[in-house]
Amino acid sequence: MRFPNQRLAQLFTLLRNETLPQDELAQRLSVSTRTVRADITALNTLLAQYGAQFILTAAAVIS
């Protein structure tokens, strides 16, 4: 799968095999939790063509 930027690719790799809290994702990617939420929305747009999505909850992002 091709991603429009490196951060989305990194986020996808992190979430592919585990559920992580938004704040941990933000720390690992050196961005804010707001950016993580926006990136999850962007990833879900890309993943929709494959019938997949990440679920964003108040506590974590679930793959």
PDB file of N, CA and C in Angstrom:
ATOM      1  N   MET A   1       0.845  -1.166   0.000  1.00  0.00           N
ATOM      2  CA  MET A   1       0.000   0.000   0.000  1.00  0.00           C
ATOM      3  C   MET A   1       0.895   1.235   0.000  1.00  0.00           C
ATOM      4  N   ARG A   2       0.515   2.206  -0.771  1.00  0.00           N
ATOM      5  CA  ARG A   2       1.271   3.464  -0.843  1.00  0.00           C
ATOM      6  C   ARG A   2       0.600   4.491   0.073  1.00  0.00           C
ATOM      7  N   PHE A   3       1.430   5.208   0.801  1.00  0.00           N
ATOM      8  CA  PHE A   3       0.943   6.228   1.715  1.00  0.00           C
ATOM      9  C   PHE A   3       1.400   7.594   1.228  1.00  0.00           C
ATOM     10  N   PRO A   4       0.584   8.629   1.435  1.00  0.00           N
ATOM     11  CA  PRO A   4       0.947   9.958   0.958  1.00  0.00           C
ATOM     12  C   PRO A   4       2.132  10.582   1.703  1.00  0.00           C
ATOM     13  N   ASN A   5       2.433  10.070   2.904  1.00  0.00           N
ATOM     14  CA  ASN A   5       3.603  10.580   3.627  1.00  0.00           C
ATOM     15  C   ASN A   5       4.162   9.509   4.562  1.00  0.00           C
ATOM     16  N   GLN A   6       5.377   9.739   5.003  1.00  0.00           N
ATOM     17  CA  GLN A   6       6.091   8.768   5.830  1.00  0.00           C
ATOM     18  C   GLN A   6       5.412   8.540   7.177  1.00  0.00           C
ATOM     19  N   ARG A   7       4.832   9.600   7.768  1.00  0.00           N
ATOM     20  CA  ARG A   7       4.199   9.448   9.079  1.00  0.00           C
ATOM     21  C   ARG A   7       3.009   8.493   9.019  1.00  0.00           C
ATOM     22  N   LEU A   8       2.219   8.561   7.956  1.00  0.00           N
ATOM     23  CA  LEU A   8       1.097   7.629   7.826  1.00  0.00           C
ATOM     24  C   LEU A   8       1.602   6.198   7.684  1.00  0.00           C
ATOM     25  N   ALA A   9       2.688   6.021   6.975  1.00  0.00           N
ATOM     26  CA  ALA A   9       3.283   4.686   6.843  1.00  0.00           C
ATOM     27  C   ALA A   9       3.761   4.178   8.198  1.00  0.00           C
ATOM     28  N   GLN A  10       4.396   5.049   8.982  1.00  0.00           N
ATOM     29  CA  GLN A  10       4.862   4.659  10.316  1.00  0.00           C
ATOM     30  C   GLN A  10       3.686   4.321  11.223  1.00  0.00           C
ATOM     31  N   LEU A  11       2.641   5.130  11.167  1.00  0.00           N
ATOM     32  CA  LEU A  11       1.457   4.895  11.987  1.00  0.00           C
ATOM     33  C   LEU A  11       0.819   3.559  11.630  1.00  0.00           C
ATOM     34  N   PHE A  12       0.697   3.290  10.343  1.00  0.00           N
ATOM     35  CA  PHE A  12       0.138   2.017   9.901  1.00  0.00           C
ATOM     36  C   PHE A  12       0.970   0.847  10.431  1.00  0.00           C
ATOM     37  N   THR A  13       2.281   0.958  10.348  1.00  0.00           N
ATOM     38  CA  THR A  13       3.168  -0.102  10.829  1.00  0.00           C
ATOM     39  C   THR A  13       2.997  -0.320  12.330  1.00  0.00           C
ATOM     40  N   LEU A  14       2.903   0.760  13.087  1.00  0.00           N
ATOM     41  CA  LEU A  14       2.726   0.642  14.535  1.00  0.00           C
ATOM     42  C   LEU A  14       1.412  -0.041  14.897  1.00  0.00           C
ATOM     43  N   LEU A  15       0.358   0.288  14.162  1.00  0.00           N
ATOM     44  CA  LEU A  15      -0.975  -0.211  14.506  1.00  0.00           C
ATOM     45  C   LEU A  15      -1.321  -1.547  13.870  1.00  0.00           C
ATOM     46  N   ARG A  16      -0.511  -1.990  12.956  1.00  0.00           N
ATOM     47  CA  ARG A  16      -0.817  -3.215  12.217  1.00  0.00           C
ATOM     48  C   ARG A  16      -0.991  -4.422  13.135  1.00  0.00           C
ATOM     49  N   ASN A  17      -0.206  -4.483  14.206  1.00  0.00           N
ATOM     50  CA  ASN A  17      -0.225  -5.680  15.044  1.00  0.00           C
ATOM     51  C   ASN A  17      -0.574  -5.453  16.503  1.00  0.00           C
ATOM     52  N   GLU A  18      -0.833  -4.213  16.890  1.00  0.00           N
ATOM     53  CA  GLU A  18      -1.146  -3.990  18.298  1.00  0.00           C
ATOM     54  C   GLU A  18      -2.044  -2.779  18.495  1.00  0.00           C
ATOM     55  N   THR A  19      -2.735  -2.777  19.614  1.00  0.00           N
ATOM     56  CA  THR A  19      -3.562  -1.657  20.029  1.00  0.00           C
ATOM     57  C   THR A  19      -2.708  -0.748  20.897  1.00  0.00           C
ATOM     58  N   LEU A  20      -2.709   0.535  20.585  1.00  0.00           N
ATOM     59  CA  LEU A  20      -1.880   1.483  21.330  1.00  0.00           C
ATOM     60  C   LEU A  20      -2.700   2.700  21.737  1.00  0.00           C
ATOM     61  N   PRO A  21      -2.409   3.255  22.912  1.00  0.00           N
ATOM     62  CA  PRO A  21      -3.070   4.496  23.329  1.00  0.00           C
ATOM     63  C   PRO A  21      -2.649   5.659  22.427  1.00  0.00           C
ATOM     64  N   GLN A  22      -3.561   6.598  22.256  1.00  0.00           N
ATOM     65  CA  GLN A  22      -3.273   7.762  21.417  1.00  0.00           C
ATOM     66  C   GLN A  22      -2.051   8.529  21.902  1.00  0.00           C
ATOM     67  N   ASP A  23      -1.910   8.681  23.217  1.00  0.00           N
ATOM     68  CA  ASP A  23      -0.771   9.448  23.722  1.00  0.00           C
ATOM     69  C   ASP A  23       0.559   8.744  23.456  1.00  0.00           C
ATOM     70  N   GLU A  24       0.565   7.416  23.472  1.00  0.00           N
ATOM     71  CA  GLU A  24       1.795   6.689  23.145  1.00  0.00           C
ATOM     72  C   GLU A  24       2.135   6.832  21.663  1.00  0.00           C
ATOM     73  N   LEU A  25       1.113   6.762  20.821  1.00  0.00           N
ATOM     74  CA  LEU A  25       1.341   6.970  19.389  1.00  0.00           C
ATOM     75  C   LEU A  25       1.897   8.368  19.138  1.00  0.00           C
ATOM     76  N   ALA A  26       1.311   9.353  19.796  1.00  0.00           N
ATOM     77  CA  ALA A  26       1.778  10.731  19.632  1.00  0.00           C
ATOM     78  C   ALA A  26       3.240  10.858  20.049  1.00  0.00           C
ATOM     79  N   GLN A  27       3.583  10.233  21.150  1.00  0.00           N
ATOM     80  CA  GLN A  27       4.963  10.299  21.625  1.00  0.00           C
ATOM     81  C   GLN A  27       5.915   9.611  20.649  1.00  0.00           C
ATOM     82  N   ARG A  28       5.546   8.429  20.180  1.00  0.00           N
ATOM     83  CA  ARG A  28       6.419   7.693  19.255  1.00  0.00           C
ATOM     84  C   ARG A  28       6.628   8.430  17.941  1.00  0.00           C
ATOM     85  N   LEU A  29       5.597   9.160  17.505  1.00  0.00           N
ATOM     86  CA  LEU A  29       5.671   9.870  16.229  1.00  0.00           C
ATOM     87  C   LEU A  29       6.077  11.340  16.385  1.00  0.00           C
ATOM     88  N   SER A  30       6.239  11.780  17.621  1.00  0.00           N
ATOM     89  CA  SER A  30       6.609  13.174  17.924  1.00  0.00           C
ATOM     90  C   SER A  30       5.600  14.175  17.368  1.00  0.00           C
ATOM     91  N   VAL A  31       4.313  13.862  17.597  1.00  0.00           N
ATOM     92  CA  VAL A  31       3.226  14.742  17.174  1.00  0.00           C
ATOM     93  C   VAL A  31       2.218  14.836  18.319  1.00  0.00           C
ATOM     94  N   SER A  32       1.194  15.659  18.135  1.00  0.00           N
ATOM     95  CA  SER A  32       0.141  15.784  19.142  1.00  0.00           C
ATOM     96  C   SER A  32      -0.893  14.669  18.972  1.00  0.00           C
ATOM     97  N   THR A  33      -1.713  14.470  20.004  1.00  0.00           N
ATOM     98  CA  THR A  33      -2.785  13.472  19.892  1.00  0.00           C
ATOM     99  C   THR A  33      -3.810  13.918  18.847  1.00  0.00           C
ATOM    100  N   ARG A  34      -3.976  15.214  18.677  1.00  0.00           N
ATOM    101  CA  ARG A  34      -4.884  15.713  17.639  1.00  0.00           C
ATOM    102  C   ARG A  34      -4.393  15.291  16.251  1.00  0.00           C
ATOM    103  N   THR A  35      -3.084  15.368  16.038  1.00  0.00           N
ATOM    104  CA  THR A  35      -2.501  14.930  14.768  1.00  0.00           C
ATOM    105  C   THR A  35      -2.687  13.429  14.588  1.00  0.00           C
ATOM    106  N   VAL A  36      -2.535  12.666  15.659  1.00  0.00           N
ATOM    107  CA  VAL A  36      -2.761  11.214  15.580  1.00  0.00           C
ATOM    108  C   VAL A  36      -4.190  10.943  15.130  1.00  0.00           C
ATOM    109  N   ARG A  37      -5.159  11.637  15.717  1.00  0.00           N
ATOM    110  CA  ARG A  37      -6.563  11.422  15.331  1.00  0.00           C
ATOM    111  C   ARG A  37      -6.794  11.787  13.863  1.00  0.00           C
ATOM    112  N   ALA A  38      -6.204  12.886  13.421  1.00  0.00           N
ATOM    113  CA  ALA A  38      -6.339  13.290  12.015  1.00  0.00           C
ATOM    114  C   ALA A  38      -5.695  12.258  11.092  1.00  0.00           C
ATOM    115  N   ASP A  39      -4.554  11.733  11.500  1.00  0.00           N
ATOM    116  CA  ASP A  39      -3.870  10.722  10.689  1.00  0.00           C
ATOM    117  C   ASP A  39      -4.657   9.414  10.642  1.00  0.00           C
ATOM    118  N   ILE A  40      -5.308   9.048  11.740  1.00  0.00           N
ATOM    119  CA  ILE A  40      -6.148   7.841  11.744  1.00  0.00           C
ATOM    120  C   ILE A  40      -7.297   8.020  10.754  1.00  0.00           C
ATOM    121  N   THR A  41      -7.887   9.199  10.734  1.00  0.00           N
ATOM    122  CA  THR A  41      -8.956   9.483   9.774  1.00  0.00           C
ATOM    123  C   THR A  41      -8.438   9.349   8.345  1.00  0.00           C
ATOM    124  N   ALA A  42      -7.253   9.880   8.085  1.00  0.00           N
ATOM    125  CA  ALA A  42      -6.650   9.773   6.749  1.00  0.00           C
ATOM    126  C   ALA A  42      -6.355   8.317   6.395  1.00  0.00           C
ATOM    127  N   LEU A  43      -5.818   7.560   7.354  1.00  0.00           N
ATOM    128  CA  LEU A  43      -5.553   6.136   7.106  1.00  0.00           C
ATOM    129  C   LEU A  43      -6.840   5.387   6.806  1.00  0.00           C
ATOM    130  N   ASN A  44      -7.890   5.680   7.565  1.00  0.00           N
ATOM    131  CA  ASN A  44      -9.157   4.991   7.343  1.00  0.00           C
ATOM    132  C   ASN A  44      -9.731   5.286   5.960  1.00  0.00           C
ATOM    133  N   THR A  45      -9.501   6.475   5.457  1.00  0.00           N
ATOM    134  CA  THR A  45      -9.928   6.805   4.096  1.00  0.00           C
ATOM    135  C   THR A  45      -9.197   5.921   3.089  1.00  0.00           C
ATOM    136  N   LEU A  46      -7.898   5.746   3.291  1.00  0.00           N
ATOM    137  CA  LEU A  46      -7.110   4.880   2.401  1.00  0.00           C
ATOM    138  C   LEU A  46      -7.515   3.410   2.540  1.00  0.00           C
ATOM    139  N   LEU A  47      -7.766   2.979   3.770  1.00  0.00           N
ATOM    140  CA  LEU A  47      -8.083   1.572   4.028  1.00  0.00           C
ATOM    141  C   LEU A  47      -9.493   1.184   3.594  1.00  0.00           C
ATOM    142  N   ALA A  48     -10.372   2.165   3.432  1.00  0.00           N
ATOM    143  CA  ALA A  48     -11.761   1.878   3.074  1.00  0.00           C
ATOM    144  C   ALA A  48     -11.864   1.079   1.781  1.00  0.00           C
ATOM    145  N   GLN A  49     -10.966   1.320   0.841  1.00  0.00           N
ATOM    146  CA  GLN A  49     -11.007   0.581  -0.425  1.00  0.00           C
ATOM    147  C   GLN A  49     -10.705  -0.905  -0.235  1.00  0.00           C
ATOM    148  N   TYR A  50     -10.127  -1.259   0.915  1.00  0.00           N
ATOM    149  CA  TYR A  50      -9.825  -2.658   1.225  1.00  0.00           C
ATOM    150  C   TYR A  50     -10.805  -3.238   2.246  1.00  0.00           C
ATOM    151  N   GLY A  51     -11.798  -2.447   2.623  1.00  0.00           N
ATOM    152  CA  GLY A  51     -12.782  -2.904   3.596  1.00  0.00           C
ATOM    153  C   GLY A  51     -12.231  -2.995   5.009  1.00  0.00           C
ATOM    154  N   ALA A  52     -11.232  -2.188   5.319  1.00  0.00           N
ATOM    155  CA  ALA A  52     -10.609  -2.220   6.647  1.00  0.00           C
ATOM    156  C   ALA A  52     -10.635  -0.826   7.262  1.00  0.00           C
ATOM    157  N   GLN A  53     -10.465  -0.785   8.577  1.00  0.00           N
ATOM    158  CA  GLN A  53     -10.367   0.494   9.264  1.00  0.00           C
ATOM    159  C   GLN A  53      -9.748   0.310  10.636  1.00  0.00           C
ATOM    160  N   PHE A  54      -9.213   1.386  11.174  1.00  0.00           N
ATOM    161  CA  PHE A  54      -8.763   1.430  12.556  1.00  0.00           C
ATOM    162  C   PHE A  54      -9.879   2.084  13.354  1.00  0.00           C
ATOM    163  N   ILE A  55     -10.138   1.572  14.541  1.00  0.00           N
ATOM    164  CA  ILE A  55     -11.185   2.119  15.395  1.00  0.00           C
ATOM    165  C   ILE A  55     -10.532   3.013  16.436  1.00  0.00           C
ATOM    166  N   LEU A  56     -10.948   4.245  16.460  1.00  0.00           N
ATOM    167  CA  LEU A  56     -10.405   5.234  17.380  1.00  0.00           C
ATOM    168  C   LEU A  56     -11.354   5.365  18.563  1.00  0.00           C
ATOM    169  N   THR A  57     -10.869   5.045  19.763  1.00  0.00           N
ATOM    170  CA  THR A  57     -11.664   5.204  20.978  1.00  0.00           C
ATOM    171  C   THR A  57     -11.018   6.276  21.843  1.00  0.00           C
ATOM    172  N   ALA A  58     -11.675   6.620  22.930  1.00  0.00           N
ATOM    173  CA  ALA A  58     -11.106   7.615  23.840  1.00  0.00           C
ATOM    174  C   ALA A  58      -9.798   7.130  24.450  1.00  0.00           C
ATOM    175  N   ALA A  59      -9.657   5.823  24.582  1.00  0.00           N
ATOM    176  CA  ALA A  59      -8.473   5.272  25.248  1.00  0.00           C
ATOM    177  C   ALA A  59      -7.374   4.831  24.290  1.00  0.00           C
ATOM    178  N   ALA A  60      -7.750   4.316  23.117  1.00  0.00           N
ATOM    179  CA  ALA A  60      -6.733   3.707  22.252  1.00  0.00           C
ATOM    180  C   ALA A  60      -7.205   3.644  20.812  1.00  0.00           C
ATOM    181  N   VAL A  61      -6.286   3.234  19.954  1.00  0.00           N
ATOM    182  CA  VAL A  61      -6.600   2.958  18.554  1.00  0.00           C
ATOM    183  C   VAL A  61      -6.522   1.454  18.381  1.00  0.00           C
ATOM    184  N   ILE A  62      -7.595   0.859  17.893  1.00  0.00           N
ATOM    185  CA  ILE A  62      -7.702  -0.589  17.784  1.00  0.00           C
ATOM    186  C   ILE A  62      -7.599  -0.993  16.326  1.00  0.00           C
ATOM    187  N   SER A  63      -6.746  -1.970  16.054  1.00  0.00           N
ATOM    188  CA  SER A  63      -6.594  -2.438  14.670  1.00  0.00           C
ATOM    189  C   SER A  63      -7.473  -3.637  14.414  1.00  0.00           C
TER     190      SER A  63
END
